[in-house]
N, C-alpha and C. Protein backbone atom coordinates (compact mmCIF):
# COMPACT_ATOMS: atom_id res chain seq x y z
N UNK A 1 -11.00 -23.48 -1.18
CA UNK A 1 -9.66 -22.95 -1.41
C UNK A 1 -8.99 -22.73 -0.06
N UNK A 2 -7.76 -23.18 0.03
CA UNK A 2 -6.96 -23.00 1.24
C UNK A 2 -5.98 -21.87 1.00
N UNK A 3 -5.94 -20.93 1.91
CA UNK A 3 -5.00 -19.82 1.77
C UNK A 3 -3.61 -20.30 2.16
N UNK A 4 -2.73 -20.41 1.14
CA UNK A 4 -1.39 -20.95 1.36
C UNK A 4 -0.34 -19.84 1.43
N UNK A 5 -0.76 -18.60 1.34
CA UNK A 5 0.17 -17.49 1.33
C UNK A 5 0.82 -17.32 2.70
N UNK A 6 2.13 -17.31 2.70
CA UNK A 6 2.87 -17.15 3.95
C UNK A 6 4.13 -16.35 3.65
N UNK A 7 4.40 -15.39 4.46
CA UNK A 7 5.58 -14.56 4.26
C UNK A 7 6.77 -15.15 5.01
N UNK A 8 7.88 -14.48 4.89
CA UNK A 8 9.13 -14.89 5.54
C UNK A 8 8.97 -14.90 7.05
N UNK A 9 9.76 -15.75 7.72
CA UNK A 9 9.71 -15.75 9.19
C UNK A 9 10.15 -14.40 9.74
N UNK A 10 9.45 -13.93 10.75
CA UNK A 10 9.88 -12.71 11.44
C UNK A 10 11.20 -13.00 12.14
N UNK A 11 11.82 -11.98 12.67
CA UNK A 11 13.10 -12.18 13.35
C UNK A 11 12.93 -13.09 14.56
N UNK A 12 11.84 -12.91 15.31
CA UNK A 12 11.60 -13.78 16.47
C UNK A 12 11.38 -15.23 16.03
N UNK A 13 10.59 -15.42 14.97
CA UNK A 13 10.36 -16.77 14.44
C UNK A 13 11.66 -17.38 13.93
N UNK A 14 12.50 -16.54 13.29
CA UNK A 14 13.79 -17.01 12.78
C UNK A 14 14.68 -17.48 13.92
N UNK A 15 14.74 -16.71 15.00
CA UNK A 15 15.54 -17.11 16.16
C UNK A 15 15.04 -18.43 16.75
N UNK A 16 13.72 -18.59 16.79
CA UNK A 16 13.13 -19.83 17.29
C UNK A 16 13.49 -21.00 16.39
N UNK A 17 13.44 -20.80 15.08
CA UNK A 17 13.81 -21.85 14.12
C UNK A 17 15.27 -22.25 14.29
N UNK A 18 16.14 -21.26 14.45
CA UNK A 18 17.56 -21.57 14.66
C UNK A 18 17.74 -22.42 15.92
N UNK A 19 17.10 -21.99 16.99
CA UNK A 19 17.22 -22.71 18.26
C UNK A 19 16.71 -24.14 18.13
N UNK A 20 15.59 -24.30 17.42
CA UNK A 20 15.00 -25.62 17.21
C UNK A 20 15.97 -26.56 16.48
N UNK A 21 16.80 -25.98 15.63
CA UNK A 21 17.77 -26.78 14.86
C UNK A 21 19.15 -26.80 15.52
N UNK A 22 19.23 -26.29 16.74
CA UNK A 22 20.48 -26.33 17.49
C UNK A 22 21.53 -25.35 16.99
N UNK A 23 21.09 -24.26 16.38
CA UNK A 23 22.01 -23.24 15.87
C UNK A 23 21.91 -21.97 16.71
N UNK A 24 23.03 -21.27 16.82
CA UNK A 24 23.04 -20.01 17.54
C UNK A 24 22.64 -18.87 16.61
N UNK A 25 22.02 -17.87 17.17
CA UNK A 25 21.64 -16.67 16.41
C UNK A 25 22.85 -15.73 16.36
N UNK A 26 23.82 -16.09 15.53
CA UNK A 26 25.04 -15.28 15.42
C UNK A 26 24.73 -13.97 14.69
N UNK A 27 25.58 -12.96 14.87
CA UNK A 27 25.37 -11.70 14.15
C UNK A 27 25.33 -11.91 12.63
N UNK A 28 26.12 -12.86 12.12
CA UNK A 28 26.13 -13.13 10.69
C UNK A 28 24.81 -13.74 10.22
N UNK A 29 24.28 -14.71 10.97
CA UNK A 29 23.00 -15.32 10.59
C UNK A 29 21.87 -14.30 10.67
N UNK A 30 21.89 -13.47 11.70
CA UNK A 30 20.87 -12.43 11.84
C UNK A 30 20.97 -11.45 10.68
N UNK A 31 22.19 -11.04 10.33
CA UNK A 31 22.37 -10.10 9.21
C UNK A 31 21.91 -10.72 7.89
N UNK A 32 22.19 -12.00 7.70
CA UNK A 32 21.75 -12.68 6.47
C UNK A 32 20.22 -12.69 6.41
N UNK A 33 19.58 -13.02 7.53
CA UNK A 33 18.11 -13.07 7.52
C UNK A 33 17.50 -11.67 7.32
N UNK A 34 18.07 -10.68 7.94
CA UNK A 34 17.58 -9.31 7.74
C UNK A 34 17.69 -8.93 6.26
N UNK A 35 18.82 -9.26 5.64
CA UNK A 35 19.00 -8.96 4.21
C UNK A 35 18.00 -9.74 3.37
N UNK A 36 17.80 -11.01 3.68
CA UNK A 36 16.85 -11.83 2.90
C UNK A 36 15.42 -11.33 3.06
N UNK A 37 15.07 -10.84 4.25
CA UNK A 37 13.72 -10.30 4.44
C UNK A 37 13.50 -9.08 3.54
N UNK A 38 14.54 -8.30 3.33
CA UNK A 38 14.42 -7.13 2.47
C UNK A 38 14.50 -7.49 1.00
N UNK A 39 15.35 -8.47 0.65
CA UNK A 39 15.57 -8.82 -0.75
C UNK A 39 14.56 -9.84 -1.27
N UNK A 40 14.12 -10.76 -0.44
CA UNK A 40 13.16 -11.78 -0.86
C UNK A 40 13.82 -12.95 -1.57
N UNK A 41 14.40 -12.70 -2.72
CA UNK A 41 15.16 -13.70 -3.49
C UNK A 41 16.53 -13.10 -3.73
N UNK A 42 17.58 -13.85 -3.43
CA UNK A 42 18.91 -13.27 -3.60
C UNK A 42 19.97 -14.35 -3.68
N UNK A 43 21.06 -14.01 -4.32
CA UNK A 43 22.25 -14.87 -4.35
C UNK A 43 23.13 -14.47 -3.17
N UNK A 44 24.14 -15.27 -2.90
CA UNK A 44 25.08 -14.96 -1.81
C UNK A 44 25.77 -13.63 -2.07
N UNK A 45 26.11 -13.36 -3.32
CA UNK A 45 26.74 -12.07 -3.68
C UNK A 45 25.84 -10.90 -3.31
N UNK A 46 24.57 -11.02 -3.65
CA UNK A 46 23.62 -9.94 -3.39
C UNK A 46 23.45 -9.71 -1.89
N UNK A 47 23.35 -10.80 -1.13
CA UNK A 47 23.18 -10.69 0.33
C UNK A 47 24.42 -10.07 0.95
N UNK A 48 25.61 -10.51 0.51
CA UNK A 48 26.87 -9.97 1.04
C UNK A 48 26.96 -8.47 0.77
N UNK A 49 26.61 -8.07 -0.45
CA UNK A 49 26.64 -6.64 -0.80
C UNK A 49 25.67 -5.85 0.06
N UNK A 50 24.48 -6.40 0.27
CA UNK A 50 23.46 -5.74 1.09
C UNK A 50 23.95 -5.57 2.53
N UNK A 51 24.54 -6.62 3.08
CA UNK A 51 25.05 -6.55 4.46
C UNK A 51 26.20 -5.56 4.55
N UNK A 52 27.11 -5.60 3.58
CA UNK A 52 28.26 -4.69 3.59
C UNK A 52 27.83 -3.23 3.49
N UNK A 53 26.83 -2.96 2.67
CA UNK A 53 26.36 -1.58 2.51
C UNK A 53 25.67 -1.06 3.76
N UNK A 54 25.11 -1.99 4.57
CA UNK A 54 24.46 -1.56 5.81
C UNK A 54 25.47 -1.28 6.91
N UNK A 55 26.66 -1.88 6.80
CA UNK A 55 27.71 -1.67 7.80
C UNK A 55 27.46 -2.32 9.14
N UNK A 56 26.49 -3.25 9.21
CA UNK A 56 26.14 -3.87 10.50
C UNK A 56 27.19 -4.89 10.98
N UNK A 57 27.68 -5.70 10.05
CA UNK A 57 28.65 -6.72 10.40
C UNK A 57 29.51 -7.03 9.19
N UNK A 58 30.59 -7.72 9.41
CA UNK A 58 31.49 -8.07 8.33
C UNK A 58 31.31 -9.54 7.98
N UNK A 59 31.07 -9.83 6.69
CA UNK A 59 30.89 -11.20 6.22
C UNK A 59 31.55 -11.37 4.86
N UNK A 60 31.92 -12.60 4.57
CA UNK A 60 32.47 -12.92 3.26
C UNK A 60 31.37 -13.59 2.43
N UNK A 61 31.54 -13.60 1.13
CA UNK A 61 30.59 -14.26 0.24
C UNK A 61 30.51 -15.75 0.60
N UNK A 62 31.66 -16.35 0.89
CA UNK A 62 31.68 -17.78 1.23
C UNK A 62 30.87 -18.07 2.49
N UNK A 63 31.02 -17.24 3.52
CA UNK A 63 30.27 -17.49 4.76
C UNK A 63 28.78 -17.25 4.54
N UNK A 64 28.43 -16.25 3.75
CA UNK A 64 27.02 -16.01 3.44
C UNK A 64 26.44 -17.19 2.67
N UNK A 65 27.18 -17.67 1.69
CA UNK A 65 26.71 -18.83 0.90
C UNK A 65 26.51 -20.04 1.82
N UNK A 66 27.46 -20.28 2.73
CA UNK A 66 27.33 -21.40 3.66
C UNK A 66 26.12 -21.25 4.56
N UNK A 67 25.88 -20.04 5.06
CA UNK A 67 24.71 -19.79 5.91
C UNK A 67 23.43 -20.01 5.11
N UNK A 68 23.34 -19.45 3.92
CA UNK A 68 22.15 -19.61 3.08
C UNK A 68 21.90 -21.08 2.75
N UNK A 69 22.96 -21.79 2.39
CA UNK A 69 22.83 -23.21 2.05
C UNK A 69 22.36 -24.02 3.25
N UNK A 70 22.93 -23.75 4.41
CA UNK A 70 22.52 -24.45 5.62
C UNK A 70 21.05 -24.19 5.94
N UNK A 71 20.62 -22.94 5.82
CA UNK A 71 19.23 -22.59 6.09
C UNK A 71 18.29 -23.23 5.07
N UNK A 72 18.74 -23.37 3.83
CA UNK A 72 17.93 -24.04 2.81
C UNK A 72 17.82 -25.54 3.11
N UNK A 73 18.92 -26.16 3.52
CA UNK A 73 18.88 -27.58 3.87
C UNK A 73 17.93 -27.85 5.04
N UNK A 74 17.81 -26.89 5.95
CA UNK A 74 16.91 -27.03 7.09
C UNK A 74 15.46 -26.69 6.75
N UNK A 75 15.24 -26.16 5.54
CA UNK A 75 13.88 -25.80 5.12
C UNK A 75 13.45 -24.41 5.54
N UNK A 76 14.37 -23.63 6.09
CA UNK A 76 14.04 -22.27 6.51
C UNK A 76 13.95 -21.37 5.28
N UNK A 77 14.79 -21.63 4.28
CA UNK A 77 14.74 -20.97 2.98
C UNK A 77 14.63 -22.06 1.92
N UNK A 78 14.32 -21.67 0.72
CA UNK A 78 14.40 -22.56 -0.44
C UNK A 78 15.50 -22.05 -1.34
N UNK A 79 16.00 -22.92 -2.19
CA UNK A 79 17.00 -22.47 -3.16
C UNK A 79 16.50 -22.72 -4.57
N UNK A 80 16.98 -21.90 -5.50
CA UNK A 80 16.60 -21.98 -6.90
C UNK A 80 17.84 -21.74 -7.75
N UNK A 81 17.96 -22.49 -8.82
CA UNK A 81 19.08 -22.28 -9.74
C UNK A 81 18.57 -21.39 -10.88
N UNK A 82 19.30 -20.33 -11.15
CA UNK A 82 18.90 -19.40 -12.21
C UNK A 82 19.55 -19.78 -13.53
N UNK A 83 19.12 -19.14 -14.59
CA UNK A 83 19.69 -19.44 -15.91
C UNK A 83 21.11 -18.92 -16.05
N UNK A 84 21.56 -18.05 -15.15
CA UNK A 84 22.95 -17.59 -15.19
C UNK A 84 23.84 -18.46 -14.29
N UNK A 85 23.33 -19.65 -13.93
CA UNK A 85 24.05 -20.65 -13.14
C UNK A 85 24.42 -20.18 -11.74
N UNK A 86 23.65 -19.26 -11.20
CA UNK A 86 23.84 -18.82 -9.82
C UNK A 86 22.73 -19.41 -8.97
N UNK A 87 23.09 -19.74 -7.74
CA UNK A 87 22.10 -20.23 -6.79
C UNK A 87 21.44 -19.02 -6.14
N UNK A 88 20.12 -18.98 -6.22
CA UNK A 88 19.35 -17.94 -5.55
C UNK A 88 18.58 -18.59 -4.42
N UNK A 89 18.35 -17.83 -3.36
CA UNK A 89 17.63 -18.34 -2.21
C UNK A 89 16.34 -17.55 -2.05
N UNK A 90 15.32 -18.24 -1.56
CA UNK A 90 13.98 -17.68 -1.42
C UNK A 90 13.58 -17.76 0.04
N UNK A 91 13.24 -16.63 0.62
CA UNK A 91 12.89 -16.57 2.03
C UNK A 91 11.46 -17.06 2.28
N UNK A 92 10.63 -17.11 1.26
CA UNK A 92 9.24 -17.56 1.40
C UNK A 92 9.18 -19.04 1.03
N UNK A 93 8.85 -19.88 2.00
CA UNK A 93 8.89 -21.33 1.78
C UNK A 93 7.52 -21.96 1.58
N UNK A 94 6.46 -21.18 1.68
CA UNK A 94 5.13 -21.74 1.45
C UNK A 94 4.93 -21.96 -0.05
N UNK A 95 3.90 -22.71 -0.40
CA UNK A 95 3.62 -22.97 -1.81
C UNK A 95 3.28 -21.68 -2.53
N UNK A 96 4.02 -21.41 -3.59
CA UNK A 96 3.74 -20.24 -4.42
C UNK A 96 4.43 -20.43 -5.76
N UNK A 97 4.05 -19.61 -6.71
CA UNK A 97 4.63 -19.65 -8.05
C UNK A 97 5.72 -18.60 -8.15
N UNK A 98 6.56 -18.75 -9.16
CA UNK A 98 7.59 -17.75 -9.41
C UNK A 98 7.52 -17.26 -10.84
N UNK A 99 7.67 -15.98 -10.99
CA UNK A 99 7.88 -15.34 -12.28
C UNK A 99 9.38 -15.08 -12.33
N UNK A 100 10.06 -15.66 -13.33
CA UNK A 100 11.51 -15.52 -13.41
C UNK A 100 11.89 -14.76 -14.67
N UNK A 101 12.47 -13.59 -14.47
CA UNK A 101 12.94 -12.73 -15.56
C UNK A 101 14.29 -13.28 -16.02
N UNK A 102 14.30 -13.92 -17.20
CA UNK A 102 15.50 -14.58 -17.71
C UNK A 102 16.55 -13.59 -18.22
N UNK A 103 16.17 -12.34 -18.43
CA UNK A 103 17.12 -11.33 -18.89
C UNK A 103 17.87 -10.74 -17.70
N UNK A 104 17.14 -10.37 -16.66
CA UNK A 104 17.74 -9.70 -15.49
C UNK A 104 18.01 -10.65 -14.32
N UNK A 105 17.64 -11.93 -14.48
CA UNK A 105 17.82 -12.93 -13.42
C UNK A 105 17.19 -12.47 -12.11
N UNK A 106 15.92 -12.15 -12.18
CA UNK A 106 15.17 -11.67 -11.02
C UNK A 106 13.94 -12.54 -10.84
N UNK A 107 13.67 -12.91 -9.59
CA UNK A 107 12.48 -13.69 -9.25
C UNK A 107 11.44 -12.80 -8.62
N UNK A 108 10.18 -13.12 -8.87
CA UNK A 108 9.07 -12.43 -8.23
C UNK A 108 8.07 -13.51 -7.79
N UNK A 109 7.61 -13.40 -6.56
CA UNK A 109 6.62 -14.35 -6.04
C UNK A 109 5.25 -14.03 -6.61
N UNK A 110 4.51 -15.10 -6.90
CA UNK A 110 3.11 -14.98 -7.31
C UNK A 110 2.31 -15.85 -6.35
N UNK A 111 1.39 -15.24 -5.65
CA UNK A 111 0.53 -15.97 -4.73
C UNK A 111 -0.84 -16.08 -5.37
N UNK A 112 -1.18 -17.28 -5.82
CA UNK A 112 -2.48 -17.53 -6.44
C UNK A 112 -2.94 -18.90 -5.98
N UNK A 113 -3.69 -18.92 -4.91
CA UNK A 113 -4.14 -20.19 -4.34
C UNK A 113 -5.05 -20.96 -5.27
N UNK A 114 -5.82 -20.27 -6.12
CA UNK A 114 -6.70 -20.97 -7.07
C UNK A 114 -5.90 -21.79 -8.06
N UNK A 115 -4.84 -21.22 -8.60
CA UNK A 115 -3.98 -21.95 -9.55
C UNK A 115 -3.29 -23.11 -8.84
N UNK A 116 -2.76 -22.86 -7.66
CA UNK A 116 -2.09 -23.93 -6.91
C UNK A 116 -3.05 -25.06 -6.57
N UNK A 117 -4.28 -24.74 -6.18
CA UNK A 117 -5.28 -25.77 -5.89
C UNK A 117 -5.61 -26.59 -7.13
N UNK A 118 -5.75 -25.91 -8.26
CA UNK A 118 -6.06 -26.59 -9.52
C UNK A 118 -4.93 -27.55 -9.92
N UNK A 119 -3.72 -27.08 -9.85
CA UNK A 119 -2.56 -27.91 -10.21
C UNK A 119 -2.44 -29.09 -9.25
N UNK A 120 -2.60 -28.82 -7.96
CA UNK A 120 -2.52 -29.89 -6.97
C UNK A 120 -3.60 -30.94 -7.20
N UNK A 121 -4.81 -30.49 -7.53
CA UNK A 121 -5.90 -31.45 -7.75
C UNK A 121 -5.65 -32.30 -9.00
N UNK A 122 -5.00 -31.72 -10.01
CA UNK A 122 -4.71 -32.48 -11.24
C UNK A 122 -3.47 -33.36 -11.10
N UNK A 123 -2.40 -32.82 -10.58
CA UNK A 123 -1.15 -33.57 -10.52
C UNK A 123 -0.96 -34.33 -9.21
N UNK A 124 -1.63 -33.88 -8.17
CA UNK A 124 -1.49 -34.53 -6.88
C UNK A 124 -1.99 -35.97 -6.89
N UNK A 125 -2.96 -36.27 -7.74
CA UNK A 125 -3.53 -37.62 -7.83
C UNK A 125 -2.82 -38.47 -8.88
N UNK A 126 -2.04 -37.85 -9.72
CA UNK A 126 -1.39 -38.54 -10.82
C UNK A 126 -0.22 -39.40 -10.32
N UNK A 127 -0.10 -40.57 -10.87
CA UNK A 127 1.00 -41.48 -10.53
C UNK A 127 2.01 -41.47 -11.66
N UNK A 128 3.28 -41.39 -11.29
CA UNK A 128 4.37 -41.44 -12.25
C UNK A 128 5.17 -42.70 -11.94
N UNK A 129 5.11 -43.66 -12.83
CA UNK A 129 5.73 -44.96 -12.60
C UNK A 129 7.20 -44.80 -12.20
N UNK A 130 7.53 -45.36 -11.06
CA UNK A 130 8.90 -45.34 -10.59
C UNK A 130 9.29 -44.08 -9.83
N UNK A 131 8.32 -43.16 -9.63
CA UNK A 131 8.63 -41.91 -8.95
C UNK A 131 7.58 -41.59 -7.91
N UNK A 132 8.03 -40.93 -6.86
CA UNK A 132 7.12 -40.39 -5.84
C UNK A 132 7.27 -38.88 -5.89
N UNK A 133 6.19 -38.17 -6.04
CA UNK A 133 6.22 -36.71 -6.13
C UNK A 133 6.49 -36.12 -4.75
N UNK A 134 7.55 -35.30 -4.67
CA UNK A 134 7.90 -34.64 -3.42
C UNK A 134 7.21 -33.29 -3.29
N UNK A 135 6.92 -32.68 -4.40
CA UNK A 135 6.28 -31.37 -4.38
C UNK A 135 6.15 -30.85 -5.80
N UNK A 136 5.47 -29.76 -5.93
CA UNK A 136 5.27 -29.14 -7.24
C UNK A 136 5.86 -27.73 -7.16
N UNK A 137 6.75 -27.43 -8.10
CA UNK A 137 7.44 -26.14 -8.12
C UNK A 137 7.27 -25.55 -9.51
N UNK A 138 6.55 -24.45 -9.60
CA UNK A 138 6.28 -23.85 -10.91
C UNK A 138 7.00 -22.53 -11.03
N UNK A 139 7.73 -22.42 -12.13
CA UNK A 139 8.47 -21.20 -12.43
C UNK A 139 8.07 -20.77 -13.84
N UNK A 140 7.54 -19.57 -13.95
CA UNK A 140 7.12 -19.03 -15.24
C UNK A 140 8.26 -18.18 -15.77
N UNK A 141 8.81 -18.58 -16.90
CA UNK A 141 9.92 -17.85 -17.50
C UNK A 141 9.38 -16.68 -18.30
N UNK A 142 10.03 -15.54 -18.16
CA UNK A 142 9.57 -14.34 -18.85
C UNK A 142 10.74 -13.42 -19.13
N UNK A 143 10.46 -12.34 -19.82
CA UNK A 143 11.45 -11.28 -20.04
C UNK A 143 10.69 -9.96 -20.03
N UNK A 144 11.39 -8.86 -19.82
CA UNK A 144 10.70 -7.57 -19.78
C UNK A 144 9.95 -7.32 -21.09
N UNK A 145 8.74 -6.82 -20.98
CA UNK A 145 7.92 -6.61 -22.17
C UNK A 145 8.21 -5.29 -22.85
N UNK A 146 8.84 -4.38 -22.15
CA UNK A 146 9.16 -3.08 -22.74
C UNK A 146 10.65 -2.85 -22.66
N UNK A 147 11.20 -2.36 -23.73
CA UNK A 147 12.62 -2.00 -23.70
C UNK A 147 12.73 -0.52 -23.35
N UNK A 148 13.78 -0.22 -22.63
CA UNK A 148 13.98 1.17 -22.26
C UNK A 148 14.46 1.94 -23.47
N UNK A 149 13.81 3.03 -23.76
CA UNK A 149 14.17 3.87 -24.90
C UNK A 149 15.12 4.94 -24.40
N UNK A 150 16.34 4.98 -24.99
CA UNK A 150 17.28 6.00 -24.52
C UNK A 150 16.74 7.41 -24.73
N UNK A 151 17.04 8.28 -23.77
CA UNK A 151 16.59 9.67 -23.89
C UNK A 151 17.39 10.37 -24.96
N UNK A 152 16.71 11.24 -25.69
CA UNK A 152 17.38 12.03 -26.74
C UNK A 152 18.19 13.13 -26.09
N UNK A 153 19.39 13.36 -26.61
CA UNK A 153 20.24 14.41 -26.05
C UNK A 153 19.86 15.75 -26.58
């Protein structure tokens, strides 16, 4: 079993990645990465709200979305489409599974190298006529198992 668990890039690693791709570590990019490190999975709206509430810098949803999209295209983040048709971004780019709450539109990382190894060993050798497999992305759809019971007045 290979340990594939990897967390988000540290701030120093993030700055190095930006430099490697010819990008400057602007206050907006730094603020976006700080927010993503805290949120893990987030939409541009969520990141913008997080940055605004911290008061560190001023950003618009459009600029945050552009930064997140650019970082995803470079492979620094991954992107995921949710069932509410919003683009969510994932700061953890190593192989892992996702538990996706379809009611609250929330992602949770699942790190299970045994499952990933099993799937890779089964599907990694499989040929699909006319297609080349780029990767395996597993998302487990779920909903909260308990409903909140309103308190009696």
